[in-house]
Amino acid sequence: MSPQPETQDVSARGIVYAALGLAAFVALALGVVALLVPLLGHGRGAAAVTPPRPVAGAPLDEVPYQGGAQVRAAAAAKLDRYGWADRDAGRAVIPIDRAMELLARKGWPDQDEKDAEERQ
């Protein structure tokens, strides 16, 4: 038995009827929606928008960007001070400009020097 080709084609008339039925259904649905929207939505305005009430006790600044100068001043003070980071370990804090100057003049400490310091 050898395979035989299909002898019955799909009816073109059936496809046309299905497409027309689908188009008619979509048109009917759009018509129903077009009729119901004015009937059900008429008279409703937009909901009144009231401003939100402020939260009691919230520490909000009236002008939040004005505090930036204080933050920058505090950061600059940390970068420009002398002091101890860890007195027991002998680590000091120096201004960043001075630290950059010392590194430029002396260079980075060698690993051998660090190892020698740790052994002492």
N, C-alpha and C. Protein backbone atom coordinates (compact mmCIF):
# COMPACT_ATOMS: atom_id res chain seq x y z
N MET A 1 0.82 -1.18 0.00
CA MET A 1 0.00 0.00 0.00
C MET A 1 0.87 1.24 0.00
N SER A 2 0.71 2.00 -0.99
CA SER A 2 1.48 3.24 -1.06
C SER A 2 0.60 4.38 -0.56
N PRO A 3 1.21 5.38 0.03
CA PRO A 3 0.42 6.50 0.55
C PRO A 3 -0.29 7.24 -0.59
N GLN A 4 -1.51 7.55 -0.33
CA GLN A 4 -2.33 8.24 -1.33
C GLN A 4 -2.48 9.71 -0.92
N PRO A 5 -2.51 10.62 -1.88
CA PRO A 5 -2.71 12.04 -1.54
C PRO A 5 -4.12 12.28 -1.02
N GLU A 6 -4.27 13.33 -0.29
CA GLU A 6 -5.57 13.72 0.27
C GLU A 6 -6.52 14.05 -0.88
N THR A 7 -7.68 13.45 -0.82
CA THR A 7 -8.63 13.67 -1.90
C THR A 7 -9.67 14.72 -1.55
N GLN A 8 -9.82 15.02 -0.27
CA GLN A 8 -10.82 16.01 0.13
C GLN A 8 -10.10 17.26 0.63
N ASP A 9 -10.36 18.38 0.04
CA ASP A 9 -9.78 19.65 0.48
C ASP A 9 -10.70 20.28 1.52
N VAL A 10 -10.14 21.21 2.26
CA VAL A 10 -10.94 21.97 3.21
C VAL A 10 -11.85 22.88 2.40
N SER A 11 -13.07 22.97 2.85
CA SER A 11 -14.05 23.78 2.13
C SER A 11 -13.71 25.25 2.25
N ALA A 12 -13.53 25.92 1.15
CA ALA A 12 -13.27 27.36 1.15
C ALA A 12 -14.48 28.10 1.67
N ARG A 13 -15.65 27.58 1.40
CA ARG A 13 -16.89 28.20 1.87
C ARG A 13 -16.93 28.20 3.40
N GLY A 14 -16.47 27.11 4.03
CA GLY A 14 -16.45 27.03 5.49
C GLY A 14 -15.50 28.05 6.11
N ILE A 15 -14.35 28.26 5.48
CA ILE A 15 -13.40 29.25 5.98
C ILE A 15 -13.98 30.65 5.86
N VAL A 16 -14.64 30.94 4.75
CA VAL A 16 -15.25 32.26 4.55
C VAL A 16 -16.34 32.48 5.58
N TYR A 17 -17.18 31.46 5.82
CA TYR A 17 -18.25 31.60 6.82
C TYR A 17 -17.66 31.82 8.22
N ALA A 18 -16.60 31.11 8.55
CA ALA A 18 -15.99 31.27 9.87
C ALA A 18 -15.41 32.68 10.03
N ALA A 19 -14.75 33.19 9.00
CA ALA A 19 -14.19 34.54 9.06
C ALA A 19 -15.29 35.58 9.17
N LEU A 20 -16.37 35.41 8.41
CA LEU A 20 -17.49 36.35 8.50
C LEU A 20 -18.16 36.29 9.86
N GLY A 21 -18.29 35.10 10.40
CA GLY A 21 -18.88 34.95 11.73
C GLY A 21 -18.04 35.63 12.80
N LEU A 22 -16.73 35.47 12.70
CA LEU A 22 -15.83 36.12 13.66
C LEU A 22 -15.92 37.64 13.54
N ALA A 23 -15.93 38.16 12.33
CA ALA A 23 -16.03 39.60 12.11
C ALA A 23 -17.36 40.13 12.64
N ALA A 24 -18.45 39.38 12.43
CA ALA A 24 -19.76 39.80 12.92
C ALA A 24 -19.78 39.81 14.45
N PHE A 25 -19.16 38.82 15.08
CA PHE A 25 -19.12 38.76 16.54
C PHE A 25 -18.34 39.94 17.10
N VAL A 26 -17.20 40.27 16.50
CA VAL A 26 -16.39 41.40 16.97
C VAL A 26 -17.17 42.70 16.80
N ALA A 27 -17.84 42.87 15.67
CA ALA A 27 -18.63 44.08 15.43
C ALA A 27 -19.77 44.19 16.44
N LEU A 28 -20.43 43.08 16.73
CA LEU A 28 -21.52 43.07 17.71
C LEU A 28 -20.99 43.43 19.10
N ALA A 29 -19.85 42.87 19.49
CA ALA A 29 -19.27 43.17 20.80
C ALA A 29 -18.90 44.65 20.90
N LEU A 30 -18.31 45.21 19.85
CA LEU A 30 -17.97 46.63 19.87
C LEU A 30 -19.22 47.50 19.96
N GLY A 31 -20.28 47.10 19.28
CA GLY A 31 -21.53 47.84 19.34
C GLY A 31 -22.12 47.83 20.74
N VAL A 32 -22.10 46.67 21.39
CA VAL A 32 -22.63 46.57 22.76
C VAL A 32 -21.82 47.46 23.70
N VAL A 33 -20.50 47.42 23.57
CA VAL A 33 -19.66 48.26 24.43
C VAL A 33 -19.93 49.73 24.17
N ALA A 34 -20.07 50.11 22.91
CA ALA A 34 -20.33 51.51 22.56
C ALA A 34 -21.66 51.97 23.15
N LEU A 35 -22.64 51.09 23.26
CA LEU A 35 -23.92 51.46 23.86
C LEU A 35 -23.86 51.52 25.38
N LEU A 36 -23.09 50.63 25.99
CA LEU A 36 -23.07 50.55 27.45
C LEU A 36 -22.19 51.62 28.10
N VAL A 37 -21.15 52.05 27.44
CA VAL A 37 -20.25 53.04 28.05
C VAL A 37 -20.98 54.33 28.39
N PRO A 38 -21.74 54.93 27.48
CA PRO A 38 -22.44 56.16 27.87
C PRO A 38 -23.51 55.92 28.94
N LEU A 39 -24.15 54.76 28.91
CA LEU A 39 -25.21 54.50 29.88
C LEU A 39 -24.65 54.29 31.28
N LEU A 40 -23.57 53.56 31.39
CA LEU A 40 -23.05 53.21 32.71
C LEU A 40 -22.02 54.20 33.23
N GLY A 41 -21.35 54.90 32.35
CA GLY A 41 -20.29 55.79 32.80
C GLY A 41 -20.70 57.23 32.89
N HIS A 42 -21.91 57.59 32.47
CA HIS A 42 -22.34 58.98 32.46
C HIS A 42 -22.59 59.46 33.89
N GLY A 43 -22.20 60.68 34.17
CA GLY A 43 -22.46 61.26 35.49
C GLY A 43 -21.34 61.01 36.47
N ARG A 44 -20.41 60.17 36.12
CA ARG A 44 -19.29 59.93 37.03
C ARG A 44 -18.14 60.83 36.62
N GLY A 45 -17.79 61.69 37.51
CA GLY A 45 -16.63 62.55 37.26
C GLY A 45 -15.38 61.89 37.83
N ALA A 46 -14.30 62.54 37.64
CA ALA A 46 -13.06 62.04 38.21
C ALA A 46 -13.14 62.15 39.72
N ALA A 47 -12.56 61.21 40.40
CA ALA A 47 -12.57 61.22 41.86
C ALA A 47 -11.79 62.43 42.36
N ALA A 48 -12.31 63.05 43.40
CA ALA A 48 -11.64 64.22 43.96
C ALA A 48 -10.31 63.79 44.57
N VAL A 49 -9.28 64.49 44.20
CA VAL A 49 -7.96 64.16 44.71
C VAL A 49 -7.65 65.10 45.86
N THR A 50 -7.43 64.54 47.02
CA THR A 50 -7.08 65.35 48.18
C THR A 50 -5.59 65.20 48.43
N PRO A 51 -4.95 66.26 48.86
CA PRO A 51 -3.52 66.15 49.13
C PRO A 51 -3.27 65.22 50.31
N PRO A 52 -2.20 64.47 50.29
CA PRO A 52 -1.93 63.56 51.40
C PRO A 52 -1.62 64.33 52.67
N ARG A 53 -2.06 63.78 53.78
CA ARG A 53 -1.79 64.41 55.07
C ARG A 53 -0.34 64.14 55.46
N PRO A 54 0.35 65.11 56.01
CA PRO A 54 1.74 64.86 56.44
C PRO A 54 1.75 63.90 57.62
N VAL A 55 2.77 63.09 57.66
CA VAL A 55 2.92 62.13 58.74
C VAL A 55 3.40 62.87 59.97
N ALA A 56 2.72 62.65 61.08
CA ALA A 56 3.08 63.35 62.30
C ALA A 56 4.44 62.86 62.80
N GLY A 57 5.30 63.79 63.10
CA GLY A 57 6.59 63.44 63.67
C GLY A 57 7.65 63.02 62.68
N ALA A 58 7.35 63.08 61.40
CA ALA A 58 8.36 62.68 60.41
C ALA A 58 9.41 63.78 60.30
N PRO A 59 10.70 63.42 60.38
CA PRO A 59 11.75 64.44 60.30
C PRO A 59 12.06 64.82 58.86
N LEU A 60 11.14 65.52 58.24
CA LEU A 60 11.32 65.92 56.85
C LEU A 60 11.76 67.38 56.80
N ASP A 61 12.75 67.64 55.98
CA ASP A 61 13.21 69.01 55.81
C ASP A 61 12.30 69.73 54.83
N GLU A 62 12.11 71.01 55.09
CA GLU A 62 11.33 71.81 54.15
C GLU A 62 12.06 71.91 52.82
N VAL A 63 13.36 72.16 52.88
CA VAL A 63 14.19 72.24 51.68
C VAL A 63 15.33 71.24 51.88
N PRO A 64 15.20 70.01 51.37
CA PRO A 64 16.16 68.96 51.71
C PRO A 64 17.58 69.21 51.20
N TYR A 65 17.74 69.96 50.13
CA TYR A 65 19.08 70.13 49.58
C TYR A 65 19.93 71.12 50.38
N GLN A 66 19.35 71.84 51.33
CA GLN A 66 20.14 72.79 52.10
C GLN A 66 21.08 72.09 53.07
N GLY A 67 20.79 70.86 53.45
CA GLY A 67 21.66 70.13 54.36
C GLY A 67 22.92 69.61 53.69
N GLY A 68 22.99 69.68 52.36
CA GLY A 68 24.16 69.18 51.64
C GLY A 68 25.44 69.90 52.00
N ALA A 69 25.36 71.19 52.27
CA ALA A 69 26.55 71.95 52.64
C ALA A 69 27.12 71.45 53.96
N GLN A 70 26.25 71.11 54.89
CA GLN A 70 26.70 70.58 56.17
C GLN A 70 27.36 69.22 56.00
N VAL A 71 26.81 68.38 55.14
CA VAL A 71 27.38 67.06 54.89
C VAL A 71 28.75 67.20 54.25
N ARG A 72 28.87 68.10 53.26
CA ARG A 72 30.16 68.31 52.61
C ARG A 72 31.19 68.88 53.59
N ALA A 73 30.76 69.79 54.47
CA ALA A 73 31.68 70.36 55.44
C ALA A 73 32.18 69.29 56.42
N ALA A 74 31.29 68.40 56.84
CA ALA A 74 31.70 67.32 57.75
C ALA A 74 32.67 66.37 57.07
N ALA A 75 32.43 66.06 55.79
CA ALA A 75 33.33 65.17 55.05
C ALA A 75 34.68 65.83 54.85
N ALA A 76 34.69 67.12 54.54
CA ALA A 76 35.96 67.84 54.37
C ALA A 76 36.73 67.89 55.68
N ALA A 77 36.03 68.04 56.79
CA ALA A 77 36.70 68.07 58.10
C ALA A 77 37.36 66.73 58.39
N LYS A 78 36.73 65.64 58.01
CA LYS A 78 37.33 64.32 58.22
C LYS A 78 38.59 64.14 57.37
N LEU A 79 38.57 64.70 56.16
CA LEU A 79 39.71 64.54 55.26
C LEU A 79 40.86 65.47 55.61
N ASP A 80 40.61 66.52 56.38
CA ASP A 80 41.63 67.53 56.66
C ASP A 80 42.06 67.55 58.12
N ARG A 81 42.00 66.43 58.81
CA ARG A 81 42.34 66.45 60.24
C ARG A 81 43.53 65.54 60.53
N TYR A 82 44.17 65.82 61.65
CA TYR A 82 45.21 64.96 62.20
C TYR A 82 44.62 64.27 63.41
N GLY A 83 45.01 63.05 63.67
CA GLY A 83 44.53 62.34 64.85
C GLY A 83 44.95 60.88 64.79
N TRP A 84 44.52 60.14 65.79
CA TRP A 84 44.84 58.72 65.86
C TRP A 84 43.69 57.90 65.30
N ALA A 85 44.02 56.98 64.41
CA ALA A 85 43.04 56.00 63.95
C ALA A 85 43.03 54.84 64.94
N ASP A 86 44.24 54.41 65.35
CA ASP A 86 44.39 53.35 66.34
C ASP A 86 45.71 53.63 67.07
N ARG A 87 45.61 54.25 68.25
CA ARG A 87 46.82 54.66 68.98
C ARG A 87 47.66 53.46 69.36
N ASP A 88 47.04 52.37 69.79
CA ASP A 88 47.79 51.19 70.21
C ASP A 88 48.58 50.58 69.05
N ALA A 89 48.03 50.60 67.85
CA ALA A 89 48.72 50.05 66.69
C ALA A 89 49.65 51.07 66.05
N GLY A 90 49.61 52.32 66.51
CA GLY A 90 50.47 53.35 65.96
C GLY A 90 50.00 53.87 64.62
N ARG A 91 48.71 53.82 64.37
CA ARG A 91 48.17 54.31 63.10
C ARG A 91 47.53 55.68 63.31
N ALA A 92 47.98 56.62 62.49
CA ALA A 92 47.51 57.99 62.60
C ALA A 92 46.68 58.37 61.38
N VAL A 93 45.86 59.38 61.56
CA VAL A 93 45.08 59.96 60.47
C VAL A 93 45.72 61.29 60.13
N ILE A 94 46.01 61.49 58.84
CA ILE A 94 46.58 62.76 58.39
C ILE A 94 45.72 63.27 57.25
N PRO A 95 45.80 64.58 56.96
CA PRO A 95 45.01 65.11 55.84
C PRO A 95 45.37 64.41 54.53
N ILE A 96 44.38 64.24 53.69
CA ILE A 96 44.58 63.48 52.46
C ILE A 96 45.59 64.14 51.54
N ASP A 97 45.63 65.47 51.52
CA ASP A 97 46.62 66.16 50.68
C ASP A 97 48.04 65.85 51.15
N ARG A 98 48.23 65.81 52.47
CA ARG A 98 49.55 65.49 53.02
C ARG A 98 49.91 64.03 52.72
N ALA A 99 48.95 63.13 52.80
CA ALA A 99 49.20 61.72 52.50
C ALA A 99 49.60 61.55 51.04
N MET A 100 48.93 62.26 50.15
CA MET A 100 49.27 62.16 48.73
C MET A 100 50.67 62.72 48.48
N GLU A 101 51.02 63.79 49.18
CA GLU A 101 52.35 64.38 49.02
C GLU A 101 53.43 63.40 49.49
N LEU A 102 53.20 62.75 50.64
CA LEU A 102 54.17 61.78 51.16
C LEU A 102 54.31 60.58 50.23
N LEU A 103 53.19 60.09 49.69
CA LEU A 103 53.27 58.96 48.76
C LEU A 103 53.99 59.34 47.48
N ALA A 104 53.79 60.57 47.01
CA ALA A 104 54.48 61.00 45.80
C ALA A 104 55.98 61.13 46.04
N ARG A 105 56.37 61.57 47.24
CA ARG A 105 57.79 61.75 47.54
C ARG A 105 58.47 60.41 47.85
N LYS A 106 57.85 59.59 48.70
CA LYS A 106 58.49 58.35 49.15
C LYS A 106 58.07 57.12 48.36
N GLY A 107 56.90 57.16 47.74
CA GLY A 107 56.40 55.99 47.03
C GLY A 107 55.70 55.03 47.98
N TRP A 108 55.14 53.97 47.41
CA TRP A 108 54.45 52.97 48.22
C TRP A 108 55.47 52.17 49.01
N PRO A 109 55.14 51.79 50.23
CA PRO A 109 56.07 50.96 50.99
C PRO A 109 56.19 49.59 50.32
N ASP A 110 57.42 49.05 50.32
CA ASP A 110 57.63 47.73 49.74
C ASP A 110 57.04 46.67 50.65
N GLN A 111 56.76 45.51 50.07
CA GLN A 111 56.20 44.41 50.83
C GLN A 111 57.22 43.91 51.85
N ASP A 112 58.50 43.95 51.50
CA ASP A 112 59.53 43.50 52.44
C ASP A 112 59.56 44.37 53.68
N GLU A 113 59.36 45.68 53.52
CA GLU A 113 59.33 46.57 54.67
C GLU A 113 58.13 46.27 55.55
N LYS A 114 56.99 45.97 54.93
CA LYS A 114 55.79 45.63 55.72
C LYS A 114 56.02 44.35 56.51
N ASP A 115 56.64 43.36 55.86
CA ASP A 115 56.90 42.09 56.55
C ASP A 115 57.85 42.30 57.72
N ALA A 116 58.86 43.16 57.52
CA ALA A 116 59.82 43.43 58.59
C ALA A 116 59.14 44.14 59.75
N GLU A 117 58.23 45.07 59.45
CA GLU A 117 57.50 45.78 60.51
C GLU A 117 56.60 44.83 61.28
N GLU A 118 55.98 43.88 60.59
CA GLU A 118 55.08 42.95 61.27
C GLU A 118 55.84 41.99 62.16
N ARG A 119 57.09 41.65 61.80
CA ARG A 119 57.88 40.72 62.60
C ARG A 119 58.37 41.37 63.89
N GLN A 120 58.48 42.70 63.92
CA GLN A 120 59.03 43.38 65.11
C GLN A 120 58.06 43.44 66.23
